[in-house]
Amino acid sequence: MEKVLKSIVLVINDSPYGCERPYNALRLALGLVKRPEEHVRIFLIGDGVNCAICNQKTPEGYYNVERMIRALAQRGEVFT
């Protein structure tokens, strides 16, 4: 049986800190890119483009979105 390549696009339109939606989307994407049958793309729009700003100060108790975006850019595709 042939494996089918699945293409998944996740749209992030919330700013990186203040809500957990960008974190959850990035966490899902990082899990999906580990699967060889998955092709993952991240599309940043609106306030979501702030996820791609380098050298942001990560608020205490939050995750580092820049690190997550970099990991995805190495294995998937990130569009702004």
C-alpha atoms as a PDB file:
ATOM      1  CA  MET A   1       0.000   0.000   0.000  1.00  0.00           C
ATOM      2  CA  GLU A   2       1.287   3.445  -0.963  1.00  0.00           C
ATOM      3  CA  LYS A   3       1.678   6.140   1.666  1.00  0.00           C
ATOM      4  CA  VAL A   4      -0.219   9.326   0.907  1.00  0.00           C
ATOM      5  CA  LEU A   5       1.504  12.619   1.656  1.00  0.00           C
ATOM      6  CA  LYS A   6      -0.805  14.872   3.645  1.00  0.00           C
ATOM      7  CA  SER A   7      -0.443  18.626   3.361  1.00  0.00           C
ATOM      8  CA  ILE A   8      -1.500  20.563   6.442  1.00  0.00           C
ATOM      9  CA  VAL A   9      -1.742  24.355   6.716  1.00  0.00           C
ATOM     10  CA  LEU A  10      -2.068  25.978  10.135  1.00  0.00           C
ATOM     11  CA  VAL A  11      -3.060  29.650  10.223  1.00  0.00           C
ATOM     12  CA  ILE A  12      -1.927  31.691  13.208  1.00  0.00           C
ATOM     13  CA  ASN A  13      -3.552  35.104  13.547  1.00  0.00           C
ATOM     14  CA  ASP A  14      -3.048  35.830  17.264  1.00  0.00           C
ATOM     15  CA  SER A  15      -0.067  37.560  18.844  1.00  0.00           C
ATOM     16  CA  PRO A  16       2.483  35.206  20.391  1.00  0.00           C
ATOM     17  CA  TYR A  17       1.947  36.145  24.023  1.00  0.00           C
ATOM     18  CA  GLY A  18      -1.315  36.742  25.855  1.00  0.00           C
ATOM     19  CA  CYS A  19      -3.224  33.685  24.678  1.00  0.00           C
ATOM     20  CA  GLU A  20      -2.288  30.067  24.104  1.00  0.00           C
ATOM     21  CA  ARG A  21      -3.613  29.641  20.557  1.00  0.00           C
ATOM     22  CA  PRO A  22      -0.279  30.341  18.792  1.00  0.00           C
ATOM     23  CA  TYR A  23       1.545  28.051  21.219  1.00  0.00           C
ATOM     24  CA  ASN A  24      -0.966  25.256  20.681  1.00  0.00           C
ATOM     25  CA  ALA A  25      -0.763  25.603  16.891  1.00  0.00           C
ATOM     26  CA  LEU A  26       3.023  25.564  16.944  1.00  0.00           C
ATOM     27  CA  ARG A  27       3.122  22.617  19.316  1.00  0.00           C
ATOM     28  CA  LEU A  28       0.756  20.699  17.011  1.00  0.00           C
ATOM     29  CA  ALA A  29       2.877  21.596  13.987  1.00  0.00           C
ATOM     30  CA  LEU A  30       6.079  20.457  15.702  1.00  0.00           C
ATOM     31  CA  GLY A  31       4.434  17.116  16.424  1.00  0.00           C
ATOM     32  CA  LEU A  32       3.189  16.732  12.851  1.00  0.00           C
ATOM     33  CA  VAL A  33       6.498  17.517  11.119  1.00  0.00           C
ATOM     34  CA  LYS A  34       8.023  14.482  12.794  1.00  0.00           C
ATOM     35  CA  ARG A  35       5.803  12.269  10.667  1.00  0.00           C
ATOM     36  CA  PRO A  36       7.278  11.541   7.219  1.00  0.00           C
ATOM     37  CA  GLU A  37       3.830  11.428   5.588  1.00  0.00           C
ATOM     38  CA  GLU A  38       2.949  14.957   6.740  1.00  0.00           C
ATOM     39  CA  HIS A  39       3.889  18.214   5.002  1.00  0.00           C
ATOM     40  CA  VAL A  40       3.267  21.137   7.353  1.00  0.00           C
ATOM     41  CA  ARG A  41       2.967  24.820   6.503  1.00  0.00           C
ATOM     42  CA  ILE A  42       2.443  27.642   8.956  1.00  0.00           C
ATOM     43  CA  PHE A  43       0.798  30.829   7.708  1.00  0.00           C
ATOM     44  CA  LEU A  44       1.186  33.877   9.943  1.00  0.00           C
ATOM     45  CA  ILE A  45      -1.361  36.646   9.380  1.00  0.00           C
ATOM     46  CA  GLY A  46      -2.564  39.688  11.312  1.00  0.00           C
ATOM     47  CA  ASP A  47      -1.144  39.734  14.834  1.00  0.00           C
ATOM     48  CA  GLY A  48       0.330  36.286  14.146  1.00  0.00           C
ATOM     49  CA  VAL A  49       3.214  37.855  12.189  1.00  0.00           C
ATOM     50  CA  ASN A  50       4.541  38.997  15.557  1.00  0.00           C
ATOM     51  CA  CYS A  51       5.470  35.359  16.176  1.00  0.00           C
ATOM     52  CA  ALA A  52       8.242  35.758  13.584  1.00  0.00           C
ATOM     53  CA  ILE A  53       9.953  38.752  15.224  1.00  0.00           C
ATOM     54  CA  CYS A  54      13.475  37.844  16.329  1.00  0.00           C
ATOM     55  CA  ASN A  55      14.910  38.520  19.772  1.00  0.00           C
ATOM     56  CA  GLN A  56      11.614  39.155  21.532  1.00  0.00           C
ATOM     57  CA  LYS A  57      11.730  39.148  25.294  1.00  0.00           C
ATOM     58  CA  THR A  58       9.782  36.113  26.417  1.00  0.00           C
ATOM     59  CA  PRO A  59       7.530  37.010  29.344  1.00  0.00           C
ATOM     60  CA  GLU A  60       8.153  35.008  32.502  1.00  0.00           C
ATOM     61  CA  GLY A  61       6.193  31.765  32.524  1.00  0.00           C
ATOM     62  CA  TYR A  62       5.683  31.722  28.747  1.00  0.00           C
ATOM     63  CA  TYR A  63       7.149  29.530  26.006  1.00  0.00           C
ATOM     64  CA  ASN A  64       9.682  30.896  23.498  1.00  0.00           C
ATOM     65  CA  VAL A  65       7.765  31.283  20.238  1.00  0.00           C
ATOM     66  CA  GLU A  66      10.868  32.290  18.283  1.00  0.00           C
ATOM     67  CA  ARG A  67      12.530  28.974  19.128  1.00  0.00           C
ATOM     68  CA  MET A  68       9.425  27.060  18.041  1.00  0.00           C
ATOM     69  CA  ILE A  69       9.181  28.982  14.730  1.00  0.00           C
ATOM     70  CA  ARG A  70      12.864  28.322  13.989  1.00  0.00           C
ATOM     71  CA  ALA A  71      12.439  24.603  14.607  1.00  0.00           C
ATOM     72  CA  LEU A  72       9.480  24.548  12.241  1.00  0.00           C
ATOM     73  CA  ALA A  73      11.261  26.579   9.569  1.00  0.00           C
ATOM     74  CA  GLN A  74      14.005  23.940   9.515  1.00  0.00           C
ATOM     75  CA  ARG A  75      11.507  21.102   8.931  1.00  0.00           C
ATOM     76  CA  GLY A  76       8.399  22.694   7.461  1.00  0.00           C
ATOM     77  CA  GLU A  77       7.395  25.956   5.860  1.00  0.00           C
ATOM     78  CA  VAL A  78       6.565  29.267   7.527  1.00  0.00           C
ATOM     79  CA  PHE A  79       4.897  32.060   5.572  1.00  0.00           C
ATOM     80  CA  THR A  80       4.220  35.627   6.672  1.00  0.00           C
END
